[in-house]
Amino acid sequence: MKPIKKAAAAALALCTIAAASLFPAATAAAAGYPDRPVKIVVGFPPGGGNDVLARLLAERLQAQMGQPFVVENRPGANGFIAFDTVKRAKPDGYTLLIGPSSGMTVNPAVYKKLPYDPVADFSPVSMIGGFPLLIVVNPATPYRSLVDLVGAAKAKPGTIDYGSAATSFQLATEMFAQQAHLRFNHIPYKGSAQAVQAVLANQVPMTFGDSAAVIPQIRAGKLRPLAVTTGKRIASLPQVPTVAEAGGPDYQMLLWSGLFAPSGTPASIVAALQAGVQQALRDPKMQASLDKLGIEPIGSSAAELEATIRSQIAQYTEVAKQANISIQ
């Protein structure tokens, strides 16, 4: 499991925002860009985490770069419609993609065939933000700590159900199970709202939930958090320990969203956009908005994002193989 541990640590290490001096240099390198509106394509309906992140970023980029940045929602087919739209767009920097880790690193690990290649078809710009997961249970369960949950799972392998909102959450749970030498029983749901509702109704005792979906229920006392899946505690729930602090393995899992352009986009434009993202994420208002959503600002370089994608695809493929997760 060492490669998985290293990859998670590498992804979290990207949380250092690059120096402000990069922005003017990159802008000068792409003189004249942008000179008309820029479209940011999101593969999900309005209101979700990726959509909100895109709109916050678009607002800041518009203010910084002097042209409208317009969010276009192209939901459907598990995000494939949005990926295909940007894949086929002219590589001139005027059609961009909000690419979640589910589409960039999880789908390649679990789908037999994909209509896109996350490495060959896109030019990475920057990892924008990370979505911590929280291991939560219904308060009526006897699991008052992660140690309780692990002990029960080891005593009766395969008898504890967990709900998952999508393949990314299933993969996160199975990765934890593999590292802790456990076996859970997977119950799929269509989206975070359904998965969380199932735990609230005690139809399943636990889920690995994204922060935006579970934090309100935790604060209302309706869900009990056992651990957060990041390498350090999150500011929005500082009382919740990491998996390692809670007595589990040194496990880390951070879902994320990045900004991408079509493959072949000029390096000067990619550099200008990268610096624009980094400047946006330094803005205190942007940081405050992300904090309310439980999203961690990242602002990686394009090279760091590409390296993360390559390493996570390899690692998640191995996890999916061991857990027998495969989609035709």
C-alpha atoms as a PDB file:
ATOM      1  CA  MET A   1       0.000   0.000   0.000  1.00  0.00           C
ATOM      2  CA  LYS A   2       2.996   2.333   0.033  1.00  0.00           C
ATOM      3  CA  PRO A   3       2.353   3.694  -3.511  1.00  0.00           C
ATOM      4  CA  ILE A   4      -1.196   4.701  -2.518  1.00  0.00           C
ATOM      5  CA  LYS A   5       0.078   6.445   0.566  1.00  0.00           C
ATOM      6  CA  LYS A   6       2.678   8.346  -1.446  1.00  0.00           C
ATOM      7  CA  ALA A   7       0.118   9.407  -4.053  1.00  0.00           C
ATOM      8  CA  ALA A   8      -2.286  10.731  -1.457  1.00  0.00           C
ATOM      9  CA  ALA A   9       0.514  12.640   0.223  1.00  0.00           C
ATOM     10  CA  ALA A  10       1.590  14.066  -3.121  1.00  0.00           C
ATOM     11  CA  ALA A  11      -1.947  15.245  -3.882  1.00  0.00           C
ATOM     12  CA  LEU A  12      -2.221  16.930  -0.498  1.00  0.00           C
ATOM     13  CA  ALA A  13       1.198  18.529  -0.923  1.00  0.00           C
ATOM     14  CA  LEU A  14      -0.213  20.527  -3.819  1.00  0.00           C
ATOM     15  CA  CYS A  15      -2.126  22.680  -1.342  1.00  0.00           C
ATOM     16  CA  THR A  16       0.643  25.317  -1.356  1.00  0.00           C
ATOM     17  CA  ILE A  17      -0.391  28.163  -3.654  1.00  0.00           C
ATOM     18  CA  ALA A  18       2.285  29.336  -6.074  1.00  0.00           C
ATOM     19  CA  ALA A  19       3.948  32.713  -5.731  1.00  0.00           C
ATOM     20  CA  ALA A  20       2.100  35.826  -6.885  1.00  0.00           C
ATOM     21  CA  SER A  21       4.943  36.789  -9.197  1.00  0.00           C
ATOM     22  CA  LEU A  22       3.893  34.058 -11.645  1.00  0.00           C
ATOM     23  CA  PHE A  23       0.729  35.905 -12.734  1.00  0.00           C
ATOM     24  CA  PRO A  24       2.126  38.951 -14.526  1.00  0.00           C
ATOM     25  CA  ALA A  25       4.846  36.882 -16.208  1.00  0.00           C
ATOM     26  CA  ALA A  26       2.361  34.346 -17.531  1.00  0.00           C
ATOM     27  CA  THR A  27      -0.035  37.060 -18.674  1.00  0.00           C
ATOM     28  CA  ALA A  28       2.740  38.768 -20.605  1.00  0.00           C
ATOM     29  CA  ALA A  29       3.623  35.470 -22.270  1.00  0.00           C
ATOM     30  CA  ALA A  30       0.034  35.187 -23.569  1.00  0.00           C
ATOM     31  CA  ALA A  31      -0.303  38.800 -24.721  1.00  0.00           C
ATOM     32  CA  GLY A  32      -3.798  39.492 -25.988  1.00  0.00           C
ATOM     33  CA  TYR A  33      -5.412  36.497 -24.271  1.00  0.00           C
ATOM     34  CA  PRO A  34      -8.255  36.553 -23.610  1.00  0.00           C
ATOM     35  CA  ASP A  35      -9.784  39.047 -26.036  1.00  0.00           C
ATOM     36  CA  ARG A  36     -13.318  37.595 -25.965  1.00  0.00           C
ATOM     37  CA  PRO A  37     -15.521  35.541 -23.595  1.00  0.00           C
ATOM     38  CA  VAL A  38     -14.186  32.221 -22.295  1.00  0.00           C
ATOM     39  CA  LYS A  39     -16.484  29.234 -21.743  1.00  0.00           C
ATOM     40  CA  ILE A  40     -16.012  26.885 -18.763  1.00  0.00           C
ATOM     41  CA  VAL A  41     -17.863  23.592 -19.281  1.00  0.00           C
ATOM     42  CA  VAL A  42     -19.200  21.654 -16.276  1.00  0.00           C
ATOM     43  CA  GLY A  43     -20.504  18.102 -16.677  1.00  0.00           C
ATOM     44  CA  PHE A  44     -23.076  18.366 -13.889  1.00  0.00           C
ATOM     45  CA  PRO A  45     -26.304  20.308 -13.268  1.00  0.00           C
ATOM     46  CA  PRO A  46     -26.246  23.725 -11.565  1.00  0.00           C
ATOM     47  CA  GLY A  47     -25.915  23.740  -7.786  1.00  0.00           C
ATOM     48  CA  GLY A  48     -23.480  20.881  -7.275  1.00  0.00           C
ATOM     49  CA  GLY A  49     -19.968  21.200  -5.872  1.00  0.00           C
ATOM     50  CA  ASN A  50     -18.231  21.354  -9.249  1.00  0.00           C
ATOM     51  CA  ASP A  51     -20.733  23.900 -10.576  1.00  0.00           C
ATOM     52  CA  VAL A  52     -20.341  26.150  -7.530  1.00  0.00           C
ATOM     53  CA  LEU A  53     -16.560  25.887  -7.763  1.00  0.00           C
ATOM     54  CA  ALA A  54     -16.676  26.777 -11.468  1.00  0.00           C
ATOM     55  CA  ARG A  55     -18.833  29.849 -10.851  1.00  0.00           C
ATOM     56  CA  LEU A  56     -16.649  31.118  -8.031  1.00  0.00           C
ATOM     57  CA  LEU A  57     -13.571  30.685 -10.206  1.00  0.00           C
ATOM     58  CA  ALA A  58     -15.236  32.248 -13.261  1.00  0.00           C
ATOM     59  CA  GLU A  59     -16.115  35.355 -11.259  1.00  0.00           C
ATOM     60  CA  ARG A  60     -12.532  35.829 -10.104  1.00  0.00           C
ATOM     61  CA  LEU A  61     -10.960  35.106 -13.518  1.00  0.00           C
ATOM     62  CA  GLN A  62     -13.313  37.595 -15.158  1.00  0.00           C
ATOM     63  CA  ALA A  63     -12.268  40.290 -12.696  1.00  0.00           C
ATOM     64  CA  GLN A  64      -8.585  39.484 -13.127  1.00  0.00           C
ATOM     65  CA  MET A  65      -8.384  38.931 -16.884  1.00  0.00           C
ATOM     66  CA  GLY A  66     -10.880  41.489 -18.141  1.00  0.00           C
ATOM     67  CA  GLN A  67     -13.161  39.220 -20.192  1.00  0.00           C
ATOM     68  CA  PRO A  68     -16.323  37.268 -19.294  1.00  0.00           C
ATOM     69  CA  PHE A  69     -15.790  33.697 -18.096  1.00  0.00           C
ATOM     70  CA  VAL A  70     -19.130  31.942 -18.659  1.00  0.00           C
ATOM     71  CA  VAL A  71     -20.081  28.623 -17.045  1.00  0.00           C
ATOM     72  CA  GLU A  72     -21.922  26.204 -19.342  1.00  0.00           C
ATOM     73  CA  ASN A  73     -23.542  23.140 -17.765  1.00  0.00           C
ATOM     74  CA  ARG A  74     -23.494  20.035 -19.994  1.00  0.00           C
ATOM     75  CA  PRO A  75     -24.755  17.286 -17.659  1.00  0.00           C
ATOM     76  CA  GLY A  76     -25.388  13.691 -18.611  1.00  0.00           C
ATOM     77  CA  ALA A  77     -23.665  10.384 -19.330  1.00  0.00           C
ATOM     78  CA  ASN A  78     -21.576  10.531 -16.144  1.00  0.00           C
ATOM     79  CA  GLY A  79     -19.888  13.721 -17.326  1.00  0.00           C
ATOM     80  CA  PHE A  80     -18.891  12.241 -20.690  1.00  0.00           C
ATOM     81  CA  ILE A  81     -20.838  14.899 -22.647  1.00  0.00           C
ATOM     82  CA  ALA A  82     -18.808  17.709 -21.096  1.00  0.00           C
ATOM     83  CA  PHE A  83     -15.543  15.848 -21.605  1.00  0.00           C
ATOM     84  CA  ASP A  84     -16.365  15.243 -25.258  1.00  0.00           C
ATOM     85  CA  THR A  85     -17.389  18.879 -25.786  1.00  0.00           C
ATOM     86  CA  VAL A  86     -14.037  20.191 -24.582  1.00  0.00           C
ATOM     87  CA  LYS A  87     -12.034  17.383 -26.167  1.00  0.00           C
ATOM     88  CA  ARG A  88     -13.376  18.424 -29.583  1.00  0.00           C
ATOM     89  CA  ALA A  89     -13.095  22.185 -29.023  1.00  0.00           C
ATOM     90  CA  LYS A  90     -10.485  24.338 -30.736  1.00  0.00           C
ATOM     91  CA  PRO A  91      -7.349  24.423 -28.537  1.00  0.00           C
ATOM     92  CA  ASP A  92      -7.244  28.211 -28.242  1.00  0.00           C
ATOM     93  CA  GLY A  93      -8.060  28.709 -24.555  1.00  0.00           C
ATOM     94  CA  TYR A  94     -11.667  29.766 -25.093  1.00  0.00           C
ATOM     95  CA  THR A  95     -13.297  26.449 -24.130  1.00  0.00           C
ATOM     96  CA  LEU A  96     -12.231  25.001 -20.789  1.00  0.00           C
ATOM     97  CA  LEU A  97     -13.315  22.082 -18.620  1.00  0.00           C
ATOM     98  CA  ILE A  98     -13.893  21.650 -14.916  1.00  0.00           C
ATOM     99  CA  GLY A  99     -12.514  18.125 -14.638  1.00  0.00           C
ATOM    100  CA  PRO A 100     -13.254  16.255 -11.397  1.00  0.00           C
ATOM    101  CA  SER A 101     -11.000  13.489 -10.162  1.00  0.00           C
ATOM    102  CA  SER A 102     -13.896  11.088 -10.750  1.00  0.00           C
ATOM    103  CA  GLY A 103     -13.613  11.679 -14.489  1.00  0.00           C
ATOM    104  CA  MET A 104      -9.861  12.103 -14.674  1.00  0.00           C
ATOM    105  CA  THR A 105      -8.587   9.310 -12.427  1.00  0.00           C
ATOM    106  CA  VAL A 106     -11.443   7.074 -11.224  1.00  0.00           C
ATOM    107  CA  ASN A 107     -13.248   6.466 -14.527  1.00  0.00           C
ATOM    108  CA  PRO A 108     -10.053   5.269 -16.276  1.00  0.00           C
ATOM    109  CA  ALA A 109      -9.557   2.793 -13.424  1.00  0.00           C
ATOM    110  CA  VAL A 110     -13.038   1.247 -13.519  1.00  0.00           C
ATOM    111  CA  TYR A 111     -14.425   1.619 -17.060  1.00  0.00           C
ATOM    112  CA  LYS A 112     -13.533  -0.975 -19.675  1.00  0.00           C
ATOM    113  CA  LYS A 113     -13.801   1.703 -22.375  1.00  0.00           C
ATOM    114  CA  LEU A 114     -13.842   5.488 -22.177  1.00  0.00           C
ATOM    115  CA  PRO A 115     -14.736   7.959 -24.955  1.00  0.00           C
ATOM    116  CA  TYR A 116     -11.794  10.129 -23.923  1.00  0.00           C
ATOM    117  CA  ASP A 117      -8.213   9.845 -22.699  1.00  0.00           C
ATOM    118  CA  PRO A 118      -7.643  12.067 -19.627  1.00  0.00           C
ATOM    119  CA  VAL A 119      -3.947  12.417 -20.429  1.00  0.00           C
ATOM    120  CA  ALA A 120      -3.859  12.600 -24.234  1.00  0.00           C
ATOM    121  CA  ASP A 121      -7.039  14.631 -24.847  1.00  0.00           C
ATOM    122  CA  PHE A 122      -6.567  17.477 -22.368  1.00  0.00           C
ATOM    123  CA  SER A 123      -3.968  20.017 -21.280  1.00  0.00           C
ATOM    124  CA  PRO A 124      -3.998  20.288 -17.480  1.00  0.00           C
ATOM    125  CA  VAL A 125      -4.039  23.855 -16.137  1.00  0.00           C
ATOM    126  CA  SER A 126      -4.312  23.645 -12.350  1.00  0.00           C
ATOM    127  CA  MET A 127      -5.921  21.610  -9.600  1.00  0.00           C
ATOM    128  CA  ILE A 128      -8.428  24.069  -8.137  1.00  0.00           C
ATOM    129  CA  GLY A 129      -9.828  22.544  -4.974  1.00  0.00           C
ATOM    130  CA  GLY A 130     -10.003  19.364  -2.932  1.00  0.00           C
ATOM    131  CA  PHE A 131     -13.112  17.757  -1.476  1.00  0.00           C
ATOM    132  CA  PRO A 132     -12.343  15.968   1.801  1.00  0.00           C
ATOM    133  CA  LEU A 133     -14.412  12.913   2.640  1.00  0.00           C
ATOM    134  CA  LEU A 134     -15.745  12.127   6.089  1.00  0.00           C
ATOM    135  CA  ILE A 135     -16.484   8.681   7.473  1.00  0.00           C
ATOM    136  CA  VAL A 136     -19.883   9.132   9.102  1.00  0.00           C
ATOM    137  CA  VAL A 137     -22.343   6.810  10.828  1.00  0.00           C
ATOM    138  CA  ASN A 138     -25.862   7.042  12.142  1.00  0.00           C
ATOM    139  CA  PRO A 139     -25.751   8.071  15.834  1.00  0.00           C
ATOM    140  CA  ALA A 140     -27.961   5.086  16.685  1.00  0.00           C
ATOM    141  CA  THR A 141     -25.175   2.670  15.715  1.00  0.00           C
ATOM    142  CA  PRO A 142     -22.771   1.374  18.389  1.00  0.00           C
ATOM    143  CA  TYR A 143     -19.800   2.858  16.498  1.00  0.00           C
ATOM    144  CA  ARG A 144     -18.642   5.789  18.592  1.00  0.00           C
ATOM    145  CA  SER A 145     -15.155   5.781  17.088  1.00  0.00           C
ATOM    146  CA  LEU A 146     -13.301   4.468  14.069  1.00  0.00           C
ATOM    147  CA  VAL A 147     -11.759   1.809  16.305  1.00  0.00           C
ATOM    148  CA  ASP A 148     -15.278   0.559  17.122  1.00  0.00           C
ATOM    149  CA  LEU A 149     -16.163   0.335  13.429  1.00  0.00           C
ATOM    150  CA  VAL A 150     -12.939  -1.440  12.475  1.00  0.00           C
ATOM    151  CA  GLY A 151     -13.298  -3.891  15.364  1.00  0.00           C
ATOM    152  CA  ALA A 152     -16.852  -4.780  14.377  1.00  0.00           C
ATOM    153  CA  ALA A 153     -15.880  -5.203  10.719  1.00  0.00           C
ATOM    154  CA  LYS A 154     -13.011  -7.517  11.627  1.00  0.00           C
ATOM    155  CA  ALA A 155     -15.213  -9.570  13.951  1.00  0.00           C
ATOM    156  CA  LYS A 156     -17.832 -10.179  11.231  1.00  0.00           C
ATOM    157  CA  PRO A 157     -16.319  -9.615   7.761  1.00  0.00           C
ATOM    158  CA  GLY A 158     -18.745  -8.550   5.046  1.00  0.00           C
ATOM    159  CA  THR A 159     -21.703  -7.898   7.354  1.00  0.00           C
ATOM    160  CA  ILE A 160     -21.474  -4.100   7.666  1.00  0.00           C
ATOM    161  CA  ASP A 161     -23.138  -2.223   4.813  1.00  0.00           C
ATOM    162  CA  TYR A 162     -21.958   1.093   3.460  1.00  0.00           C
ATOM    163  CA  GLY A 163     -23.703   3.439   1.070  1.00  0.00           C
ATOM    164  CA  SER A 164     -21.820   5.109  -1.761  1.00  0.00           C
ATOM    165  CA  ALA A 165     -22.938   8.059  -3.873  1.00  0.00           C
ATOM    166  CA  ALA A 166     -20.811   7.148  -6.906  1.00  0.00           C
ATOM    167  CA  THR A 167     -17.876   5.023  -7.976  1.00  0.00           C
ATOM    168  CA  SER A 168     -15.409   7.542  -6.497  1.00  0.00           C
ATOM    169  CA  PHE A 169     -16.895   7.014  -3.036  1.00  0.00           C
ATOM    170  CA  GLN A 170     -16.970   3.260  -3.499  1.00  0.00           C
ATOM    171  CA  LEU A 171     -13.312   3.315  -4.483  1.00  0.00           C
ATOM    172  CA  ALA A 172     -12.452   5.469  -1.453  1.00  0.00           C
ATOM    173  CA  THR A 173     -14.211   3.029   0.876  1.00  0.00           C
ATOM    174  CA  GLU A 174     -12.627  -0.031  -0.706  1.00  0.00           C
ATOM    175  CA  MET A 175      -9.184   1.571  -0.529  1.00  0.00           C
ATOM    176  CA  PHE A 176      -9.691   2.093   3.211  1.00  0.00           C
ATOM    177  CA  ALA A 177     -10.943  -1.477   3.601  1.00  0.00           C
ATOM    178  CA  GLN A 178      -7.904  -2.866   1.790  1.00  0.00           C
ATOM    179  CA  GLN A 179      -5.476  -0.885   3.916  1.00  0.00           C
ATOM    180  CA  ALA A 180      -7.267  -1.833   7.161  1.00  0.00           C
ATOM    181  CA  HIS A 181      -7.734  -5.466   6.023  1.00  0.00           C
ATOM    182  CA  LEU A 182     -11.536  -5.278   6.232  1.00  0.00           C
ATOM    183  CA  ARG A 183     -14.477  -6.327   4.078  1.00  0.00           C
ATOM    184  CA  PHE A 184     -17.631  -4.229   3.853  1.00  0.00           C
ATOM    185  CA  ASN A 185     -20.826  -4.744   1.853  1.00  0.00           C
ATOM    186  CA  HIS A 186     -21.441  -2.119  -0.854  1.00  0.00           C
ATOM    187  CA  ILE A 187     -24.905  -0.529  -1.319  1.00  0.00           C
ATOM    188  CA  PRO A 188     -24.990   1.938  -4.266  1.00  0.00           C
ATOM    189  CA  TYR A 189     -27.081   5.115  -4.337  1.00  0.00           C
ATOM    190  CA  LYS A 190     -27.705   7.750  -6.995  1.00  0.00           C
ATOM    191  CA  GLY A 191     -25.862  10.748  -5.610  1.00  0.00           C
ATOM    192  CA  SER A 192     -24.703  12.125  -2.289  1.00  0.00           C
ATOM    193  CA  ALA A 193     -28.168  13.215  -1.169  1.00  0.00           C
ATOM    194  CA  GLN A 194     -29.539   9.673  -1.392  1.00  0.00           C
ATOM    195  CA  ALA A 195     -26.509   8.095   0.258  1.00  0.00           C
ATOM    196  CA  VAL A 196     -26.627  10.535   3.162  1.00  0.00           C
ATOM    197  CA  GLN A 197     -30.404  10.097   3.518  1.00  0.00           C
ATOM    198  CA  ALA A 198     -29.907   6.332   3.723  1.00  0.00           C
ATOM    199  CA  VAL A 199     -27.549   6.766   6.691  1.00  0.00           C
ATOM    200  CA  LEU A 200     -29.888   9.293   8.317  1.00  0.00           C
ATOM    201  CA  ALA A 201     -32.716   6.746   8.043  1.00  0.00           C
ATOM    202  CA  ASN A 202     -30.359   4.001   9.317  1.00  0.00           C
ATOM    203  CA  GLN A 203     -30.948   1.963   6.164  1.00  0.00           C
ATOM    204  CA  VAL A 204     -27.168   1.628   6.042  1.00  0.00           C
ATOM    205  CA  PRO A 205     -24.992   2.384   9.059  1.00  0.00           C
ATOM    206  CA  MET A 206     -22.179   4.300   7.332  1.00  0.00           C
ATOM    207  CA  THR A 207     -20.905   6.165   4.309  1.00  0.00           C
ATOM    208  CA  PHE A 208     -17.827   7.989   3.115  1.00  0.00           C
ATOM    209  CA  GLY A 209     -19.467  11.335   2.343  1.00  0.00           C
ATOM    210  CA  ASP A 210     -18.177  14.501   0.716  1.00  0.00           C
ATOM    211  CA  SER A 211     -17.832  17.396   3.133  1.00  0.00           C
ATOM    212  CA  ALA A 212     -20.480  19.607   1.500  1.00  0.00           C
ATOM    213  CA  ALA A 213     -23.106  16.876   1.827  1.00  0.00           C
ATOM    214  CA  VAL A 214     -22.427  15.738   5.404  1.00  0.00           C
ATOM    215  CA  ILE A 215     -21.176  18.791   7.313  1.00  0.00           C
ATOM    216  CA  PRO A 216     -24.671  20.310   7.785  1.00  0.00           C
ATOM    217  CA  GLN A 217     -25.951  16.984   9.153  1.00  0.00           C
ATOM    218  CA  ILE A 218     -22.938  16.626  11.447  1.00  0.00           C
ATOM    219  CA  ARG A 219     -23.481  20.119  12.840  1.00  0.00           C
ATOM    220  CA  ALA A 220     -27.161  19.304  13.384  1.00  0.00           C
ATOM    221  CA  GLY A 221     -26.190  16.197  15.373  1.00  0.00           C
ATOM    222  CA  LYS A 222     -27.828  13.861  12.854  1.00  0.00           C
ATOM    223  CA  LEU A 223     -24.604  12.160  11.756  1.00  0.00           C
ATOM    224  CA  ARG A 224     -21.631  11.073  13.845  1.00  0.00           C
ATOM    225  CA  PRO A 225     -18.249  11.742  12.209  1.00  0.00           C
ATOM    226  CA  LEU A 226     -15.565   9.149  12.903  1.00  0.00           C
ATOM    227  CA  ALA A 227     -12.702  10.548  10.815  1.00  0.00           C
ATOM    228  CA  VAL A 228     -11.735  12.780   7.910  1.00  0.00           C
ATOM    229  CA  THR A 229      -9.824  11.230   5.010  1.00  0.00           C
ATOM    230  CA  THR A 230      -7.267  14.011   4.547  1.00  0.00           C
ATOM    231  CA  GLY A 231      -3.751  14.046   5.954  1.00  0.00           C
ATOM    232  CA  LYS A 232      -4.630  16.797   8.409  1.00  0.00           C
ATOM    233  CA  ARG A 233      -7.804  17.963  10.121  1.00  0.00           C
ATOM    234  CA  ILE A 234     -10.043  20.329   8.170  1.00  0.00           C
ATOM    235  CA  ALA A 235     -10.789  23.864   9.322  1.00  0.00           C
ATOM    236  CA  SER A 236     -14.563  23.460   9.076  1.00  0.00           C
ATOM    237  CA  LEU A 237     -14.548  20.494  11.524  1.00  0.00           C
ATOM    238  CA  PRO A 238     -11.368  20.791  13.583  1.00  0.00           C
ATOM    239  CA  GLN A 239     -12.658  18.362  16.218  1.00  0.00           C
ATOM    240  CA  VAL A 240     -12.803  15.452  13.768  1.00  0.00           C
ATOM    241  CA  PRO A 241      -9.576  13.393  13.680  1.00  0.00           C
ATOM    242  CA  THR A 242      -7.827  12.058  10.603  1.00  0.00           C
ATOM    243  CA  VAL A 243      -8.062   8.321   9.939  1.00  0.00           C
ATOM    244  CA  ALA A 244      -4.571   7.774  11.361  1.00  0.00           C
ATOM    245  CA  GLU A 245      -5.331   9.889  14.449  1.00  0.00           C
ATOM    246  CA  ALA A 246      -8.533   7.896  14.979  1.00  0.00           C
ATOM    247  CA  GLY A 247      -6.608   4.625  15.162  1.00  0.00           C
ATOM    248  CA  GLY A 248      -6.890   3.536  11.539  1.00  0.00           C
ATOM    249  CA  PRO A 249      -4.207   3.017   8.876  1.00  0.00           C
ATOM    250  CA  ASP A 250      -2.218   5.925   7.456  1.00  0.00           C
ATOM    251  CA  TYR A 251      -4.948   6.363   4.844  1.00  0.00           C
ATOM    252  CA  GLN A 252      -5.576   9.519   2.811  1.00  0.00           C
ATOM    253  CA  MET A 253      -8.115  10.231   0.070  1.00  0.00           C
ATOM    254  CA  LEU A 254      -8.921  13.625  -1.408  1.00  0.00           C
ATOM    255  CA  LEU A 255     -11.320  14.069  -4.297  1.00  0.00           C
ATOM    256  CA  TRP A 256     -10.556  17.157  -6.366  1.00  0.00           C
ATOM    257  CA  SER A 257     -11.521  19.291  -9.335  1.00  0.00           C
ATOM    258  CA  GLY A 258      -9.148  20.865 -11.826  1.00  0.00           C
ATOM    259  CA  LEU A 259      -9.210  23.212 -14.784  1.00  0.00           C
ATOM    260  CA  PHE A 260      -8.351  21.732 -18.184  1.00  0.00           C
ATOM    261  CA  ALA A 261      -8.031  22.934 -21.780  1.00  0.00           C
ATOM    262  CA  PRO A 262      -8.146  20.847 -24.971  1.00  0.00           C
ATOM    263  CA  SER A 263      -4.910  19.097 -25.848  1.00  0.00           C
ATOM    264  CA  GLY A 264      -2.651  21.291 -27.953  1.00  0.00           C
ATOM    265  CA  THR A 265      -3.552  24.560 -26.242  1.00  0.00           C
ATOM    266  CA  PRO A 266      -0.502  26.877 -26.404  1.00  0.00           C
ATOM    267  CA  ALA A 267       1.736  26.679 -23.353  1.00  0.00           C
ATOM    268  CA  SER A 268       1.589  30.472 -22.891  1.00  0.00           C
ATOM    269  CA  ILE A 269      -2.211  30.363 -22.551  1.00  0.00           C
ATOM    270  CA  VAL A 270      -2.050  27.415 -20.142  1.00  0.00           C
ATOM    271  CA  ALA A 271       0.510  29.346 -18.066  1.00  0.00           C
ATOM    272  CA  ALA A 272      -1.700  32.456 -18.001  1.00  0.00           C
ATOM    273  CA  LEU A 273      -4.716  30.422 -16.886  1.00  0.00           C
ATOM    274  CA  GLN A 274      -2.653  28.560 -14.281  1.00  0.00           C
ATOM    275  CA  ALA A 275      -1.463  31.829 -12.789  1.00  0.00           C
ATOM    276  CA  GLY A 276      -5.008  33.199 -12.930  1.00  0.00           C
ATOM    277  CA  VAL A 277      -6.315  30.234 -10.930  1.00  0.00           C
ATOM    278  CA  GLN A 278      -3.544  30.634  -8.371  1.00  0.00           C
ATOM    279  CA  GLN A 279      -4.266  34.341  -7.983  1.00  0.00           C
ATOM    280  CA  ALA A 280      -8.000  33.653  -7.613  1.00  0.00           C
ATOM    281  CA  LEU A 281      -7.348  31.139  -4.840  1.00  0.00           C
ATOM    282  CA  ARG A 282      -5.322  33.700  -2.892  1.00  0.00           C
ATOM    283  CA  ASP A 283      -8.314  36.044  -2.763  1.00  0.00           C
ATOM    284  CA  PRO A 284      -9.709  36.148   0.825  1.00  0.00           C
ATOM    285  CA  LYS A 285     -13.332  36.226  -0.374  1.00  0.00           C
ATOM    286  CA  MET A 286     -12.747  33.202  -2.572  1.00  0.00           C
ATOM    287  CA  GLN A 287     -11.074  31.375   0.300  1.00  0.00           C
ATOM    288  CA  ALA A 288     -13.981  32.202   2.629  1.00  0.00           C
ATOM    289  CA  SER A 289     -16.514  30.909   0.088  1.00  0.00           C
ATOM    290  CA  LEU A 290     -14.610  27.659  -0.360  1.00  0.00           C
ATOM    291  CA  ASP A 291     -14.244  27.196   3.395  1.00  0.00           C
ATOM    292  CA  LYS A 292     -18.025  27.355   3.849  1.00  0.00           C
ATOM    293  CA  LEU A 293     -18.327  24.504   1.360  1.00  0.00           C
ATOM    294  CA  GLY A 294     -15.573  22.462   2.984  1.00  0.00           C
ATOM    295  CA  ILE A 295     -13.434  22.777  -0.161  1.00  0.00           C
ATOM    296  CA  GLU A 296      -9.667  23.120   0.240  1.00  0.00           C
ATOM    297  CA  PRO A 297      -8.007  25.587  -2.194  1.00  0.00           C
ATOM    298  CA  ILE A 298      -5.052  24.016  -3.993  1.00  0.00           C
ATOM    299  CA  GLY A 299      -3.748  25.882  -7.045  1.00  0.00           C
ATOM    300  CA  SER A 300      -1.202  23.387  -8.372  1.00  0.00           C
ATOM    301  CA  SER A 301       1.005  23.809 -11.410  1.00  0.00           C
ATOM    302  CA  ALA A 302       0.025  22.122 -14.664  1.00  0.00           C
ATOM    303  CA  ALA A 303       2.925  19.691 -14.301  1.00  0.00           C
ATOM    304  CA  GLU A 304       1.889  18.714 -10.768  1.00  0.00           C
ATOM    305  CA  LEU A 305      -1.679  18.092 -11.913  1.00  0.00           C
ATOM    306  CA  GLU A 306      -0.545  15.877 -14.781  1.00  0.00           C
ATOM    307  CA  ALA A 307       1.725  13.882 -12.465  1.00  0.00           C
ATOM    308  CA  THR A 308      -1.131  13.384  -9.990  1.00  0.00           C
ATOM    309  CA  ILE A 309      -3.453  12.142 -12.741  1.00  0.00           C
ATOM    310  CA  ARG A 310      -0.929   9.596 -14.020  1.00  0.00           C
ATOM    311  CA  SER A 311      -0.080   8.251 -10.567  1.00  0.00           C
ATOM    312  CA  GLN A 312      -3.669   8.082  -9.324  1.00  0.00           C
ATOM    313  CA  ILE A 313      -4.890   6.236 -12.423  1.00  0.00           C
ATOM    314  CA  ALA A 314      -2.272   3.552 -11.799  1.00  0.00           C
ATOM    315  CA  GLN A 315      -3.057   3.261  -8.093  1.00  0.00           C
ATOM    316  CA  TYR A 316      -6.843   3.331  -8.440  1.00  0.00           C
ATOM    317  CA  THR A 317      -6.670   0.697 -11.163  1.00  0.00           C
ATOM    318  CA  GLU A 318      -4.989  -1.639  -8.684  1.00  0.00           C
ATOM    319  CA  VAL A 319      -7.552  -0.854  -5.959  1.00  0.00           C
ATOM    320  CA  ALA A 320     -10.442  -1.435  -8.398  1.00  0.00           C
ATOM    321  CA  LYS A 321      -8.918  -4.725  -9.519  1.00  0.00           C
ATOM    322  CA  GLN A 322      -8.610  -6.000  -5.953  1.00  0.00           C
ATOM    323  CA  ALA A 323     -12.172  -4.860  -5.126  1.00  0.00           C
ATOM    324  CA  ASN A 324     -13.570  -6.242  -8.403  1.00  0.00           C
ATOM    325  CA  ILE A 325     -14.978  -2.854  -9.440  1.00  0.00           C
ATOM    326  CA  SER A 326     -15.528  -2.783 -13.186  1.00  0.00           C
ATOM    327  CA  ILE A 327     -18.004  -0.946 -15.449  1.00  0.00           C
ATOM    328  CA  GLN A 328     -18.659  -1.933 -19.043  1.00  0.00           C
END
